[in-house]
Amino acid sequence: SRDNAKNTVYLQMNSLKPEDTAVYYCAADLS
């Protein structure tokens, strides 16, 4: 999700599993 008023994007992760272990990166592009 994103909140353009706060210039912020979110990633909500539920029911996490051990295989979700990772380094998470956000990214941006005009396209």
ModelCIF file with pLDDT and N, C-alpha, C, O atoms, coordinates in Angstrom:
data_MODEL
#
_entry.id   MODEL 
#
_entity.id                         1 
_entity.type                       polymer 
_entity.pdbx_number_of_molecules   1 
#
_entity_poly.entity_id                      1 
_entity_poly.type                           'polypeptide(L)' 
_entity_poly.nstd_linkage                   no 
_entity_poly.nstd_monomer                   no 
_entity_poly.pdbx_seq_one_letter_code       SRDNAKNTVYLQMNSLKPEDTAVYYCAADLS 
_entity_poly.pdbx_seq_one_letter_code_can   SRDNAKNTVYLQMNSLKPEDTAVYYCAADLS 
_entity_poly.pdbx_strand_id                 A 
#
loop_
_entity_poly_seq.entity_id 
_entity_poly_seq.num 
_entity_poly_seq.mon_id 
_entity_poly_seq.hetero 
1 1  SER n 
1 2  ARG n 
1 3  ASP n 
1 4  ASN n 
1 5  ALA n 
1 6  LYS n 
1 7  ASN n 
1 8  THR n 
1 9  VAL n 
1 10 TYR n 
1 11 LEU n 
1 12 GLN n 
1 13 MET n 
1 14 ASN n 
1 15 SER n 
1 16 LEU n 
1 17 LYS n 
1 18 PRO n 
1 19 GLU n 
1 20 ASP n 
1 21 THR n 
1 22 ALA n 
1 23 VAL n 
1 24 TYR n 
1 25 TYR n 
1 26 CYS n 
1 27 ALA n 
1 28 ALA n 
1 29 ASP n 
1 30 LEU n 
1 31 SER n 
#
_struct_asym.id          A 
_struct_asym.entity_id   1 
#
loop_
_ma_qa_metric.id 
_ma_qa_metric.mode 
_ma_qa_metric.name 
_ma_qa_metric.software_group_id 
_ma_qa_metric.type 
1 global pLDDT . pLDDT 
2 local  pLDDT . pLDDT 
#
_ma_qa_metric_global.metric_id      1 
_ma_qa_metric_global.metric_value   96.29 
_ma_qa_metric_global.model_id       1 
_ma_qa_metric_global.ordinal_id     1 
#
loop_
_ma_qa_metric_local.label_asym_id 
_ma_qa_metric_local.label_comp_id 
_ma_qa_metric_local.label_seq_id 
_ma_qa_metric_local.metric_id 
_ma_qa_metric_local.metric_value 
_ma_qa_metric_local.model_id 
_ma_qa_metric_local.ordinal_id 
A SER 1  2 96.00 1 1  
A ARG 2  2 96.00 1 2  
A ASP 3  2 95.00 1 3  
A ASN 4  2 93.00 1 4  
A ALA 5  2 94.00 1 5  
A LYS 6  2 95.00 1 6  
A ASN 7  2 95.00 1 7  
A THR 8  2 97.00 1 8  
A VAL 9  2 97.00 1 9  
A TYR 10 2 97.00 1 10 
A LEU 11 2 97.00 1 11 
A GLN 12 2 97.00 1 12 
A MET 13 2 96.00 1 13 
A ASN 14 2 96.00 1 14 
A SER 15 2 96.00 1 15 
A LEU 16 2 96.00 1 16 
A LYS 17 2 97.00 1 17 
A PRO 18 2 97.00 1 18 
A GLU 19 2 96.00 1 19 
A ASP 20 2 96.00 1 20 
A THR 21 2 97.00 1 21 
A ALA 22 2 98.00 1 22 
A VAL 23 2 98.00 1 23 
A TYR 24 2 98.00 1 24 
A TYR 25 2 98.00 1 25 
A CYS 26 2 98.00 1 26 
A ALA 27 2 98.00 1 27 
A ALA 28 2 97.00 1 28 
A ASP 29 2 96.00 1 29 
A LEU 30 2 94.00 1 30 
A SER 31 2 94.00 1 31 
#
loop_
_atom_site.group_PDB 
_atom_site.id 
_atom_site.type_symbol 
_atom_site.label_atom_id 
_atom_site.label_alt_id 
_atom_site.label_comp_id 
_atom_site.label_asym_id 
_atom_site.label_entity_id 
_atom_site.label_seq_id 
_atom_site.pdbx_PDB_ins_code 
_atom_site.Cartn_x 
_atom_site.Cartn_y 
_atom_site.Cartn_z 
_atom_site.occupancy 
_atom_site.B_iso_or_equiv 
_atom_site.pdbx_formal_charge 
_atom_site.auth_seq_id 
_atom_site.auth_comp_id 
_atom_site.auth_asym_id 
_atom_site.auth_atom_id 
_atom_site.pdbx_PDB_model_num 
ATOM 1   N N  . SER A 1 1  ? 0.853  -1.185  0.000   1.00 96.00 ? 1  SER A N  1 
ATOM 2   C CA . SER A 1 1  ? 0.000  0.000   0.000   1.00 96.00 ? 1  SER A CA 1 
ATOM 3   C C  . SER A 1 1  ? 0.886  1.230   0.000   1.00 96.00 ? 1  SER A C  1 
ATOM 4   O O  . SER A 1 1  ? 2.090  1.142   0.239   1.00 96.00 ? 1  SER A O  1 
ATOM 5   N N  . ARG A 1 2  ? 0.286  2.371   -0.268  1.00 96.00 ? 2  ARG A N  1 
ATOM 6   C CA . ARG A 1 2  ? 1.064  3.608   -0.296  1.00 96.00 ? 2  ARG A CA 1 
ATOM 7   C C  . ARG A 1 2  ? 0.231  4.731   0.299   1.00 96.00 ? 2  ARG A C  1 
ATOM 8   O O  . ARG A 1 2  ? -0.998 4.737   0.229   1.00 96.00 ? 2  ARG A O  1 
ATOM 9   N N  . ASP A 1 3  ? 0.941  5.669   0.881   1.00 95.00 ? 3  ASP A N  1 
ATOM 10  C CA . ASP A 1 3  ? 0.326  6.885   1.405   1.00 95.00 ? 3  ASP A CA 1 
ATOM 11  C C  . ASP A 1 3  ? 1.055  8.044   0.747   1.00 95.00 ? 3  ASP A C  1 
ATOM 12  O O  . ASP A 1 3  ? 2.154  8.415   1.162   1.00 95.00 ? 3  ASP A O  1 
ATOM 13  N N  . ASN A 1 4  ? 0.446  8.605   -0.266  1.00 93.00 ? 4  ASN A N  1 
ATOM 14  C CA . ASN A 1 4  ? 1.125  9.661   -1.015  1.00 93.00 ? 4  ASN A CA 1 
ATOM 15  C C  . ASN A 1 4  ? 1.308  10.926  -0.185  1.00 93.00 ? 4  ASN A C  1 
ATOM 16  O O  . ASN A 1 4  ? 2.219  11.712  -0.445  1.00 93.00 ? 4  ASN A O  1 
ATOM 17  N N  . ALA A 1 5  ? 0.467  11.124  0.791   1.00 94.00 ? 5  ALA A N  1 
ATOM 18  C CA . ALA A 1 5  ? 0.613  12.295  1.657   1.00 94.00 ? 5  ALA A CA 1 
ATOM 19  C C  . ALA A 1 5  ? 1.854  12.175  2.539   1.00 94.00 ? 5  ALA A C  1 
ATOM 20  O O  . ALA A 1 5  ? 2.425  13.183  2.955   1.00 94.00 ? 5  ALA A O  1 
ATOM 21  N N  . LYS A 1 6  ? 2.268  10.947  2.823   1.00 95.00 ? 6  LYS A N  1 
ATOM 22  C CA . LYS A 1 6  ? 3.443  10.713  3.658   1.00 95.00 ? 6  LYS A CA 1 
ATOM 23  C C  . LYS A 1 6  ? 4.655  10.257  2.848   1.00 95.00 ? 6  LYS A C  1 
ATOM 24  O O  . LYS A 1 6  ? 5.718  9.991   3.408   1.00 95.00 ? 6  LYS A O  1 
ATOM 25  N N  . ASN A 1 7  ? 4.491  10.170  1.534   1.00 95.00 ? 7  ASN A N  1 
ATOM 26  C CA . ASN A 1 7  ? 5.582  9.720   0.660   1.00 95.00 ? 7  ASN A CA 1 
ATOM 27  C C  . ASN A 1 7  ? 6.128  8.372   1.106   1.00 95.00 ? 7  ASN A C  1 
ATOM 28  O O  . ASN A 1 7  ? 7.339  8.151   1.121   1.00 95.00 ? 7  ASN A O  1 
ATOM 29  N N  . THR A 1 8  ? 5.232  7.490   1.462   1.00 97.00 ? 8  THR A N  1 
ATOM 30  C CA . THR A 1 8  ? 5.645  6.220   2.051   1.00 97.00 ? 8  THR A CA 1 
ATOM 31  C C  . THR A 1 8  ? 4.888  5.061   1.416   1.00 97.00 ? 8  THR A C  1 
ATOM 32  O O  . THR A 1 8  ? 3.697  5.157   1.124   1.00 97.00 ? 8  THR A O  1 
ATOM 33  N N  . VAL A 1 9  ? 5.609  3.971   1.213   1.00 97.00 ? 9  VAL A N  1 
ATOM 34  C CA . VAL A 1 9  ? 5.012  2.727   0.763   1.00 97.00 ? 9  VAL A CA 1 
ATOM 35  C C  . VAL A 1 9  ? 5.217  1.692   1.861   1.00 97.00 ? 9  VAL A C  1 
ATOM 36  O O  . VAL A 1 9  ? 6.225  1.701   2.568   1.00 97.00 ? 9  VAL A O  1 
ATOM 37  N N  . TYR A 1 10 ? 4.234  0.796   1.987   1.00 97.00 ? 10 TYR A N  1 
ATOM 38  C CA . TYR A 1 10 ? 4.255  -0.197  3.049   1.00 97.00 ? 10 TYR A CA 1 
ATOM 39  C C  . TYR A 1 10 ? 4.156  -1.608  2.462   1.00 97.00 ? 10 TYR A C  1 
ATOM 40  O O  . TYR A 1 10 ? 3.621  -1.812  1.373   1.00 97.00 ? 10 TYR A O  1 
ATOM 41  N N  . LEU A 1 11 ? 4.681  -2.559  3.207   1.00 97.00 ? 11 LEU A N  1 
ATOM 42  C CA . LEU A 1 11 ? 4.488  -3.966  2.879   1.00 97.00 ? 11 LEU A CA 1 
ATOM 43  C C  . LEU A 1 11 ? 3.999  -4.654  4.145   1.00 97.00 ? 11 LEU A C  1 
ATOM 44  O O  . LEU A 1 11 ? 4.738  -4.789  5.119   1.00 97.00 ? 11 LEU A O  1 
ATOM 45  N N  . GLN A 1 12 ? 2.765  -5.080  4.117   1.00 97.00 ? 12 GLN A N  1 
ATOM 46  C CA . GLN A 1 12 ? 2.182  -5.787  5.251   1.00 97.00 ? 12 GLN A CA 1 
ATOM 47  C C  . GLN A 1 12 ? 2.321  -7.283  5.006   1.00 97.00 ? 12 GLN A C  1 
ATOM 48  O O  . GLN A 1 12 ? 1.831  -7.812  4.008   1.00 97.00 ? 12 GLN A O  1 
ATOM 49  N N  . MET A 1 13 ? 2.981  -7.940  5.910   1.00 96.00 ? 13 MET A N  1 
ATOM 50  C CA . MET A 1 13 ? 3.219  -9.385  5.779   1.00 96.00 ? 13 MET A CA 1 
ATOM 51  C C  . MET A 1 13 ? 2.566  -10.104 6.952   1.00 96.00 ? 13 MET A C  1 
ATOM 52  O O  . MET A 1 13 ? 2.898  -9.854  8.110   1.00 96.00 ? 13 MET A O  1 
ATOM 53  N N  . ASN A 1 14 ? 1.655  -10.979 6.646   1.00 96.00 ? 14 ASN A N  1 
ATOM 54  C CA . ASN A 1 14 ? 0.939  -11.746 7.655   1.00 96.00 ? 14 ASN A CA 1 
ATOM 55  C C  . ASN A 1 14 ? 1.296  -13.225 7.543   1.00 96.00 ? 14 ASN A C  1 
ATOM 56  O O  . ASN A 1 14 ? 1.762  -13.693 6.505   1.00 96.00 ? 14 ASN A O  1 
ATOM 57  N N  . SER A 1 15 ? 1.068  -13.935 8.619   1.00 96.00 ? 15 SER A N  1 
ATOM 58  C CA . SER A 1 15 ? 1.308  -15.383 8.647   1.00 96.00 ? 15 SER A CA 1 
ATOM 59  C C  . SER A 1 15 ? 2.702  -15.718 8.119   1.00 96.00 ? 15 SER A C  1 
ATOM 60  O O  . SER A 1 15 ? 2.870  -16.575 7.252   1.00 96.00 ? 15 SER A O  1 
ATOM 61  N N  . LEU A 1 16 ? 3.676  -15.032 8.656   1.00 96.00 ? 16 LEU A N  1 
ATOM 62  C CA . LEU A 1 16 ? 5.045  -15.207 8.167   1.00 96.00 ? 16 LEU A CA 1 
ATOM 63  C C  . LEU A 1 16 ? 5.563  -16.611 8.435   1.00 96.00 ? 16 LEU A C  1 
ATOM 64  O O  . LEU A 1 16 ? 5.212  -17.252 9.426   1.00 96.00 ? 16 LEU A O  1 
ATOM 65  N N  . LYS A 1 17 ? 6.400  -17.063 7.528   1.00 97.00 ? 17 LYS A N  1 
ATOM 66  C CA . LYS A 1 17 ? 7.007  -18.388 7.613   1.00 97.00 ? 17 LYS A CA 1 
ATOM 67  C C  . LYS A 1 17 ? 8.525  -18.238 7.631   1.00 97.00 ? 17 LYS A C  1 
ATOM 68  O O  . LYS A 1 17 ? 9.049  -17.219 7.182   1.00 97.00 ? 17 LYS A O  1 
ATOM 69  N N  . PRO A 1 18 ? 9.234  -19.236 8.141   1.00 97.00 ? 18 PRO A N  1 
ATOM 70  C CA . PRO A 1 18 ? 10.701 -19.150 8.128   1.00 97.00 ? 18 PRO A CA 1 
ATOM 71  C C  . PRO A 1 18 ? 11.270 -18.905 6.733   1.00 97.00 ? 18 PRO A C  1 
ATOM 72  O O  . PRO A 1 18 ? 12.307 -18.257 6.591   1.00 97.00 ? 18 PRO A O  1 
ATOM 73  N N  . GLU A 1 19 ? 10.606 -19.414 5.714   1.00 96.00 ? 19 GLU A N  1 
ATOM 74  C CA . GLU A 1 19 ? 11.110 -19.206 4.348   1.00 96.00 ? 19 GLU A CA 1 
ATOM 75  C C  . GLU A 1 19 ? 10.921 -17.778 3.849   1.00 96.00 ? 19 GLU A C  1 
ATOM 76  O O  . GLU A 1 19 ? 11.388 -17.431 2.764   1.00 96.00 ? 19 GLU A O  1 
ATOM 77  N N  . ASP A 1 20 ? 10.243 -16.956 4.631   1.00 96.00 ? 20 ASP A N  1 
ATOM 78  C CA . ASP A 1 20 ? 10.141 -15.532 4.313   1.00 96.00 ? 20 ASP A CA 1 
ATOM 79  C C  . ASP A 1 20 ? 11.350 -14.747 4.811   1.00 96.00 ? 20 ASP A C  1 
ATOM 80  O O  . ASP A 1 20 ? 11.464 -13.546 4.563   1.00 96.00 ? 20 ASP A O  1 
ATOM 81  N N  . THR A 1 21 ? 12.241 -15.425 5.507   1.00 97.00 ? 21 THR A N  1 
ATOM 82  C CA . THR A 1 21 ? 13.459 -14.781 5.987   1.00 97.00 ? 21 THR A CA 1 
ATOM 83  C C  . THR A 1 21 ? 14.293 -14.298 4.806   1.00 97.00 ? 21 THR A C  1 
ATOM 84  O O  . THR A 1 21 ? 14.629 -15.070 3.908   1.00 97.00 ? 21 THR A O  1 
ATOM 85  N N  . ALA A 1 22 ? 14.622 -13.002 4.823   1.00 98.00 ? 22 ALA A N  1 
ATOM 86  C CA . ALA A 1 22 ? 15.353 -12.399 3.715   1.00 98.00 ? 22 ALA A CA 1 
ATOM 87  C C  . ALA A 1 22 ? 15.663 -10.954 4.056   1.00 98.00 ? 22 ALA A C  1 
ATOM 88  O O  . ALA A 1 22 ? 15.171 -10.401 5.040   1.00 98.00 ? 22 ALA A O  1 
ATOM 89  N N  . VAL A 1 23 ? 16.488 -10.367 3.221   1.00 98.00 ? 23 VAL A N  1 
ATOM 90  C CA . VAL A 1 23 ? 16.632 -8.916  3.231   1.00 98.00 ? 23 VAL A CA 1 
ATOM 91  C C  . VAL A 1 23 ? 15.606 -8.369  2.250   1.00 98.00 ? 23 VAL A C  1 
ATOM 92  O O  . VAL A 1 23 ? 15.549 -8.782  1.092   1.00 98.00 ? 23 VAL A O  1 
ATOM 93  N N  . TYR A 1 24 ? 14.806 -7.444  2.728   1.00 98.00 ? 24 TYR A N  1 
ATOM 94  C CA . TYR A 1 24 ? 13.750 -6.863  1.918   1.00 98.00 ? 24 TYR A CA 1 
ATOM 95  C C  . TYR A 1 24 ? 14.168 -5.475  1.445   1.00 98.00 ? 24 TYR A C  1 
ATOM 96  O O  . TYR A 1 24 ? 14.703 -4.673  2.210   1.00 98.00 ? 24 TYR A O  1 
ATOM 97  N N  . TYR A 1 25 ? 13.914 -5.215  0.173   1.00 98.00 ? 25 TYR A N  1 
ATOM 98  C CA . TYR A 1 25 ? 14.283 -3.946  -0.439  1.00 98.00 ? 25 TYR A CA 1 
ATOM 99  C C  . TYR A 1 25 ? 13.054 -3.275  -1.036  1.00 98.00 ? 25 TYR A C  1 
ATOM 100 O O  . TYR A 1 25 ? 12.237 -3.933  -1.679  1.00 98.00 ? 25 TYR A O  1 
ATOM 101 N N  . CYS A 1 26 ? 12.923 -1.996  -0.831  1.00 98.00 ? 26 CYS A N  1 
ATOM 102 C CA . CYS A 1 26 ? 11.921 -1.271  -1.589  1.00 98.00 ? 26 CYS A CA 1 
ATOM 103 C C  . CYS A 1 26 ? 12.591 -0.660  -2.811  1.00 98.00 ? 26 CYS A C  1 
ATOM 104 O O  . CYS A 1 26 ? 13.810 -0.496  -2.856  1.00 98.00 ? 26 CYS A O  1 
ATOM 105 N N  . ALA A 1 27 ? 11.780 -0.331  -3.786  1.00 98.00 ? 27 ALA A N  1 
ATOM 106 C CA . ALA A 1 27 ? 12.296 0.178   -5.056  1.00 98.00 ? 27 ALA A CA 1 
ATOM 107 C C  . ALA A 1 27 ? 11.286 1.115   -5.676  1.00 98.00 ? 27 ALA A C  1 
ATOM 108 O O  . ALA A 1 27 ? 10.098 1.080   -5.353  1.00 98.00 ? 27 ALA A O  1 
ATOM 109 N N  . ALA A 1 28 ? 11.780 1.964   -6.582  1.00 97.00 ? 28 ALA A N  1 
ATOM 110 C CA . ALA A 1 28 ? 10.921 2.942   -7.243  1.00 97.00 ? 28 ALA A CA 1 
ATOM 111 C C  . ALA A 1 28 ? 11.301 3.081   -8.698  1.00 97.00 ? 28 ALA A C  1 
ATOM 112 O O  . ALA A 1 28 ? 12.466 2.956   -9.075  1.00 97.00 ? 28 ALA A O  1 
ATOM 113 N N  . ASP A 1 29 ? 10.297 3.342   -9.502  1.00 96.00 ? 29 ASP A N  1 
ATOM 114 C CA . ASP A 1 29 ? 10.515 3.615   -10.913 1.00 96.00 ? 29 ASP A CA 1 
ATOM 115 C C  . ASP A 1 29 ? 9.298  4.348   -11.458 1.00 96.00 ? 29 ASP A C  1 
ATOM 116 O O  . ASP A 1 29 ? 8.189  4.180   -10.950 1.00 96.00 ? 29 ASP A O  1 
ATOM 117 N N  . LEU A 1 30 ? 9.497  5.140   -12.465 1.00 94.00 ? 30 LEU A N  1 
ATOM 118 C CA . LEU A 1 30 ? 8.373  5.846   -13.076 1.00 94.00 ? 30 LEU A CA 1 
ATOM 119 C C  . LEU A 1 30 ? 7.417  4.886   -13.795 1.00 94.00 ? 30 LEU A C  1 
ATOM 120 O O  . LEU A 1 30 ? 6.244  5.207   -13.985 1.00 94.00 ? 30 LEU A O  1 
ATOM 121 N N  . SER A 1 31 ? 7.910  3.725   -14.189 1.00 94.00 ? 31 SER A N  1 
ATOM 122 C CA . SER A 1 31 ? 7.102  2.768   -14.942 1.00 94.00 ? 31 SER A CA 1 
ATOM 123 C C  . SER A 1 31 ? 6.625  1.623   -14.047 1.00 94.00 ? 31 SER A C  1 
ATOM 124 O O  . SER A 1 31 ? 5.930  0.721   -14.515 1.00 94.00 ? 31 SER A O  1 
#
